[in-house]
Amino acid sequence: MPAVIEVSCINCDMCVPECPNDAISMGTKHFQVDPQLCTECIGYYDKPTCIAVCPIDCIGLV
């Protein structure tokens, strides 16, 4: 299940440098996660770091 960034994203850019798979990029209005690249940080961290660093909790797992 890849991470998903909700429309409430404020484009703070906190999640982008934390992603070990470069799965997060700017979409048309807010950042988005490429489901083909997102591995939920398995093999890198205990839990998805994008979720851990998001200041407004707009990232979840689908």
PDB file of N, CA and C in Angstrom:
ATOM      1  N   MET A   1       0.835  -1.176   0.000  1.00  0.00           N
ATOM      2  CA  MET A   1       0.000   0.000   0.000  1.00  0.00           C
ATOM      3  C   MET A   1       0.886   1.247   0.000  1.00  0.00           C
ATOM      4  N   PRO A   2       0.862   2.005  -1.069  1.00  0.00           N
ATOM      5  CA  PRO A   2       1.694   3.210  -1.111  1.00  0.00           C
ATOM      6  C   PRO A   2       1.098   4.338  -0.287  1.00  0.00           C
ATOM      7  N   ALA A   3       1.943   5.284   0.050  1.00  0.00           N
ATOM      8  CA  ALA A   3       1.483   6.480   0.748  1.00  0.00           C
ATOM      9  C   ALA A   3       0.714   7.360  -0.230  1.00  0.00           C
ATOM     10  N   VAL A   4      -0.215   8.147   0.308  1.00  0.00           N
ATOM     11  CA  VAL A   4      -1.002   9.084  -0.486  1.00  0.00           C
ATOM     12  C   VAL A   4      -0.987  10.421   0.233  1.00  0.00           C
ATOM     13  N   ILE A   5      -0.762  11.486  -0.535  1.00  0.00           N
ATOM     14  CA  ILE A   5      -0.780  12.832   0.032  1.00  0.00           C
ATOM     15  C   ILE A   5      -2.121  13.462  -0.291  1.00  0.00           C
ATOM     16  N   GLU A   6      -2.822  13.911   0.741  1.00  0.00           N
ATOM     17  CA  GLU A   6      -4.152  14.480   0.578  1.00  0.00           C
ATOM     18  C   GLU A   6      -4.085  15.905   0.042  1.00  0.00           C
ATOM     19  N   VAL A   7      -5.224  16.412  -0.423  1.00  0.00           N
ATOM     20  CA  VAL A   7      -5.280  17.761  -0.988  1.00  0.00           C
ATOM     21  C   VAL A   7      -5.012  18.845   0.051  1.00  0.00           C
ATOM     22  N   SER A   8      -5.031  18.492   1.327  1.00  0.00           N
ATOM     23  CA  SER A   8      -4.742  19.477   2.371  1.00  0.00           C
ATOM     24  C   SER A   8      -3.248  19.790   2.485  1.00  0.00           C
ATOM     25  N   CYS A   9      -2.422  19.147   1.656  1.00  0.00           N
ATOM     26  CA  CYS A   9      -0.977  19.379   1.637  1.00  0.00           C
ATOM     27  C   CYS A   9      -0.690  20.864   1.418  1.00  0.00           C
ATOM     28  N   ILE A  10       0.218  21.410   2.210  1.00  0.00           N
ATOM     29  CA  ILE A  10       0.577  22.835   2.097  1.00  0.00           C
ATOM     30  C   ILE A  10       1.897  23.031   1.335  1.00  0.00           C
ATOM     31  N   ASN A  11       2.399  21.981   0.712  1.00  0.00           N
ATOM     32  CA  ASN A  11       3.627  22.047  -0.086  1.00  0.00           C
ATOM     33  C   ASN A  11       4.823  22.549   0.714  1.00  0.00           C
ATOM     34  N   CYS A  12       4.970  22.049   1.919  1.00  0.00           N
ATOM     35  CA  CYS A  12       6.065  22.498   2.791  1.00  0.00           C
ATOM     36  C   CYS A  12       7.403  21.877   2.405  1.00  0.00           C
ATOM     37  N   ASP A  13       7.385  20.789   1.635  1.00  0.00           N
ATOM     38  CA  ASP A  13       8.594  20.126   1.146  1.00  0.00           C
ATOM     39  C   ASP A  13       9.339  19.331   2.218  1.00  0.00           C
ATOM     40  N   MET A  14       8.719  19.049   3.351  1.00  0.00           N
ATOM     41  CA  MET A  14       9.376  18.269   4.403  1.00  0.00           C
ATOM     42  C   MET A  14       9.533  16.808   4.000  1.00  0.00           C
ATOM     43  N   CYS A  15       8.607  16.270   3.244  1.00  0.00           N
ATOM     44  CA  CYS A  15       8.609  14.848   2.916  1.00  0.00           C
ATOM     45  C   CYS A  15       9.565  14.485   1.781  1.00  0.00           C
ATOM     46  N   VAL A  16       9.759  15.393   0.849  1.00  0.00           N
ATOM     47  CA  VAL A  16      10.534  15.085  -0.355  1.00  0.00           C
ATOM     48  C   VAL A  16      11.945  14.575  -0.050  1.00  0.00           C
ATOM     49  N   PRO A  17      12.747  15.289   0.739  1.00  0.00           N
ATOM     50  CA  PRO A  17      14.108  14.800   0.972  1.00  0.00           C
ATOM     51  C   PRO A  17      14.176  13.551   1.850  1.00  0.00           C
ATOM     52  N   GLU A  18      13.095  13.206   2.528  1.00  0.00           N
ATOM     53  CA  GLU A  18      13.073  12.031   3.404  1.00  0.00           C
ATOM     54  C   GLU A  18      12.797  10.733   2.664  1.00  0.00           C
ATOM     55  N   CYS A  19      12.270  10.813   1.466  1.00  0.00           N
ATOM     56  CA  CYS A  19      11.886   9.612   0.723  1.00  0.00           C
ATOM     57  C   CYS A  19      13.119   8.939   0.124  1.00  0.00           C
ATOM     58  N   PRO A  20      13.417   7.707   0.545  1.00  0.00           N
ATOM     59  CA  PRO A  20      14.601   7.013   0.024  1.00  0.00           C
ATOM     60  C   PRO A  20      14.443   6.519  -1.415  1.00  0.00           C
ATOM     61  N   ASN A  21      13.215   6.553  -1.928  1.00  0.00           N
ATOM     62  CA  ASN A  21      12.943   6.041  -3.266  1.00  0.00           C
ATOM     63  C   ASN A  21      12.631   7.138  -4.281  1.00  0.00           C
ATOM     64  N   ASP A  22      12.746   8.389  -3.874  1.00  0.00           N
ATOM     65  CA  ASP A  22      12.396   9.516  -4.756  1.00  0.00           C
ATOM     66  C   ASP A  22      10.992   9.359  -5.335  1.00  0.00           C
ATOM     67  N   ALA A  23      10.067   8.898  -4.505  1.00  0.00           N
ATOM     68  CA  ALA A  23       8.701   8.652  -4.959  1.00  0.00           C
ATOM     69  C   ALA A  23       7.805   9.881  -4.850  1.00  0.00           C
ATOM     70  N   ILE A  24       8.277  10.944  -4.203  1.00  0.00           N
ATOM     71  CA  ILE A  24       7.451  12.132  -3.988  1.00  0.00           C
ATOM     72  C   ILE A  24       7.909  13.241  -4.914  1.00  0.00           C
ATOM     73  N   SER A  25       6.946  13.840  -5.614  1.00  0.00           N
ATOM     74  CA  SER A  25       7.249  14.941  -6.516  1.00  0.00           C
ATOM     75  C   SER A  25       6.082  15.927  -6.515  1.00  0.00           C
ATOM     76  N   MET A  26       6.319  17.105  -7.089  1.00  0.00           N
ATOM     77  CA  MET A  26       5.268  18.116  -7.149  1.00  0.00           C
ATOM     78  C   MET A  26       4.260  17.725  -8.218  1.00  0.00           C
ATOM     79  N   GLY A  27       2.998  17.728  -7.825  1.00  0.00           N
ATOM     80  CA  GLY A  27       1.917  17.478  -8.762  1.00  0.00           C
ATOM     81  C   GLY A  27       1.405  18.800  -9.293  1.00  0.00           C
ATOM     82  N   THR A  28       0.188  18.826  -9.798  1.00  0.00           N
ATOM     83  CA  THR A  28      -0.345  20.067 -10.344  1.00  0.00           C
ATOM     84  C   THR A  28      -0.671  21.091  -9.259  1.00  0.00           C
ATOM     85  N   LYS A  29      -1.102  20.623  -8.078  1.00  0.00           N
ATOM     86  CA  LYS A  29      -1.447  21.545  -6.994  1.00  0.00           C
ATOM     87  C   LYS A  29      -0.706  21.271  -5.697  1.00  0.00           C
ATOM     88  N   HIS A  30      -0.295  20.036  -5.483  1.00  0.00           N
ATOM     89  CA  HIS A  30       0.423  19.666  -4.263  1.00  0.00           C
ATOM     90  C   HIS A  30       1.310  18.466  -4.558  1.00  0.00           C
ATOM     91  N   PHE A  31       2.135  18.111  -3.587  1.00  0.00           N
ATOM     92  CA  PHE A  31       3.023  16.973  -3.778  1.00  0.00           C
ATOM     93  C   PHE A  31       2.206  15.696  -3.935  1.00  0.00           C
ATOM     94  N   GLN A  32       2.773  14.740  -4.643  1.00  0.00           N
ATOM     95  CA  GLN A  32       2.113  13.454  -4.855  1.00  0.00           C
ATOM     96  C   GLN A  32       3.127  12.337  -4.734  1.00  0.00           C
ATOM     97  N   VAL A  33       2.627  11.135  -4.500  1.00  0.00           N
ATOM     98  CA  VAL A  33       3.468   9.949  -4.354  1.00  0.00           C
ATOM     99  C   VAL A  33       3.262   9.056  -5.566  1.00  0.00           C
ATOM    100  N   ASP A  34       4.353   8.640  -6.169  1.00  0.00           N
ATOM    101  CA  ASP A  34       4.284   7.699  -7.280  1.00  0.00           C
ATOM    102  C   ASP A  34       4.125   6.299  -6.680  1.00  0.00           C
ATOM    103  N   PRO A  35       2.966   5.664  -6.865  1.00  0.00           N
ATOM    104  CA  PRO A  35       2.732   4.351  -6.252  1.00  0.00           C
ATOM    105  C   PRO A  35       3.673   3.263  -6.776  1.00  0.00           C
ATOM    106  N   GLN A  36       4.255   3.466  -7.946  1.00  0.00           N
ATOM    107  CA  GLN A  36       5.199   2.495  -8.499  1.00  0.00           C
ATOM    108  C   GLN A  36       6.545   2.544  -7.781  1.00  0.00           C
ATOM    109  N   LEU A  37       6.860   3.681  -7.138  1.00  0.00           N
ATOM    110  CA  LEU A  37       8.137   3.839  -6.459  1.00  0.00           C
ATOM    111  C   LEU A  37       8.048   3.711  -4.938  1.00  0.00           C
ATOM    112  N   CYS A  38       6.875   3.966  -4.374  1.00  0.00           N
ATOM    113  CA  CYS A  38       6.710   3.942  -2.916  1.00  0.00           C
ATOM    114  C   CYS A  38       6.761   2.512  -2.383  1.00  0.00           C
ATOM    115  N   THR A  39       7.646   2.291  -1.427  1.00  0.00           N
ATOM    116  CA  THR A  39       7.752   0.978  -0.780  1.00  0.00           C
ATOM    117  C   THR A  39       7.419   1.073   0.706  1.00  0.00           C
ATOM    118  N   GLU A  40       6.835   2.207   1.127  1.00  0.00           N
ATOM    119  CA  GLU A  40       6.547   2.471   2.537  1.00  0.00           C
ATOM    120  C   GLU A  40       7.825   2.437   3.363  1.00  0.00           C
ATOM    121  N   CYS A  41       8.956   2.719   2.719  1.00  0.00           N
ATOM    122  CA  CYS A  41      10.289   2.780   3.349  1.00  0.00           C
ATOM    123  C   CYS A  41      10.788   1.431   3.850  1.00  0.00           C
ATOM    124  N   ILE A  42      10.151   0.342   3.405  1.00  0.00           N
ATOM    125  CA  ILE A  42      10.602  -0.993   3.809  1.00  0.00           C
ATOM    126  C   ILE A  42      12.048  -1.192   3.346  1.00  0.00           C
ATOM    127  N   GLY A  43      12.874  -1.627   4.257  1.00  0.00           N
ATOM    128  CA  GLY A  43      14.284  -1.810   3.969  1.00  0.00           C
ATOM    129  C   GLY A  43      15.129  -0.593   4.304  1.00  0.00           C
ATOM    130  N   TYR A  44      14.453   0.519   4.618  1.00  0.00           N
ATOM    131  CA  TYR A  44      15.155   1.750   4.976  1.00  0.00           C
ATOM    132  C   TYR A  44      14.842   2.184   6.407  1.00  0.00           C
ATOM    133  N   TYR A  45      13.543   2.254   6.729  1.00  0.00           N
ATOM    134  CA  TYR A  45      13.091   2.743   8.029  1.00  0.00           C
ATOM    135  C   TYR A  45      12.012   1.820   8.578  1.00  0.00           C
ATOM    136  N   ASP A  46      11.718   1.955   9.868  1.00  0.00           N
ATOM    137  CA  ASP A  46      10.690   1.133  10.500  1.00  0.00           C
ATOM    138  C   ASP A  46       9.286   1.499  10.048  1.00  0.00           C
ATOM    139  N   LYS A  47       9.078   2.765   9.680  1.00  0.00           N
ATOM    140  CA  LYS A  47       7.781   3.229   9.192  1.00  0.00           C
ATOM    141  C   LYS A  47       8.022   4.311   8.151  1.00  0.00           C
ATOM    142  N   PRO A  48       7.012   4.622   7.333  1.00  0.00           N
ATOM    143  CA  PRO A  48       7.197   5.624   6.291  1.00  0.00           C
ATOM    144  C   PRO A  48       7.618   6.983   6.870  1.00  0.00           C
ATOM    145  N   THR A  49       8.759   7.472   6.440  1.00  0.00           N
ATOM    146  CA  THR A  49       9.253   8.735   7.003  1.00  0.00           C
ATOM    147  C   THR A  49       8.459   9.935   6.526  1.00  0.00           C
ATOM    148  N   CYS A  50       7.848   9.851   5.359  1.00  0.00           N
ATOM    149  CA  CYS A  50       7.045  10.990   4.900  1.00  0.00           C
ATOM    150  C   CYS A  50       5.909  11.260   5.882  1.00  0.00           C
ATOM    151  N   ILE A  51       5.320  10.192   6.401  1.00  0.00           N
ATOM    152  CA  ILE A  51       4.237  10.336   7.379  1.00  0.00           C
ATOM    153  C   ILE A  51       4.789  10.902   8.686  1.00  0.00           C
ATOM    154  N   ALA A  52       5.950  10.434   9.088  1.00  0.00           N
ATOM    155  CA  ALA A  52       6.544  10.876  10.358  1.00  0.00           C
ATOM    156  C   ALA A  52       6.919  12.348  10.346  1.00  0.00           C
ATOM    157  N   VAL A  53       7.348  12.891   9.213  1.00  0.00           N
ATOM    158  CA  VAL A  53       7.809  14.282   9.178  1.00  0.00           C
ATOM    159  C   VAL A  53       6.737  15.281   8.744  1.00  0.00           C
ATOM    160  N   CYS A  54       5.596  14.840   8.287  1.00  0.00           N
ATOM    161  CA  CYS A  54       4.551  15.746   7.810  1.00  0.00           C
ATOM    162  C   CYS A  54       3.987  16.561   8.983  1.00  0.00           C
ATOM    163  N   PRO A  55       4.118  17.896   8.912  1.00  0.00           N
ATOM    164  CA  PRO A  55       3.658  18.728  10.037  1.00  0.00           C
ATOM    165  C   PRO A  55       2.144  18.859  10.140  1.00  0.00           C
ATOM    166  N   ILE A  56       1.409  18.517   9.089  1.00  0.00           N
ATOM    167  CA  ILE A  56      -0.047  18.666   9.164  1.00  0.00           C
ATOM    168  C   ILE A  56      -0.783  17.334   9.007  1.00  0.00           C
ATOM    169  N   ASP A  57      -0.059  16.232   9.036  1.00  0.00           N
ATOM    170  CA  ASP A  57      -0.648  14.898   8.958  1.00  0.00           C
ATOM    171  C   ASP A  57      -1.553  14.714   7.745  1.00  0.00           C
ATOM    172  N   CYS A  58      -1.045  15.108   6.580  1.00  0.00           N
ATOM    173  CA  CYS A  58      -1.857  14.960   5.363  1.00  0.00           C
ATOM    174  C   CYS A  58      -1.425  13.766   4.514  1.00  0.00           C
ATOM    175  N   ILE A  59      -0.558  12.913   5.053  1.00  0.00           N
ATOM    176  CA  ILE A  59      -0.090  11.739   4.315  1.00  0.00           C
ATOM    177  C   ILE A  59      -0.579  10.481   5.023  1.00  0.00           C
ATOM    178  N   GLY A  60      -1.127   9.577   4.259  1.00  0.00           N
ATOM    179  CA  GLY A  60      -1.613   8.328   4.828  1.00  0.00           C
ATOM    180  C   GLY A  60      -1.320   7.167   3.910  1.00  0.00           C
ATOM    181  N   LEU A  61      -1.591   5.981   4.372  1.00  0.00           N
ATOM    182  CA  LEU A  61      -1.422   4.776   3.567  1.00  0.00           C
ATOM    183  C   LEU A  61      -2.767   4.331   3.036  1.00  0.00           C
ATOM    184  N   VAL A  62      -2.795   3.930   1.786  1.00  0.00           N
ATOM    185  CA  VAL A  62      -4.050   3.496   1.166  1.00  0.00           C
ATOM    186  C   VAL A  62      -4.041   1.999   1.049  1.00  0.00           C
TER     187      VAL A  62
END
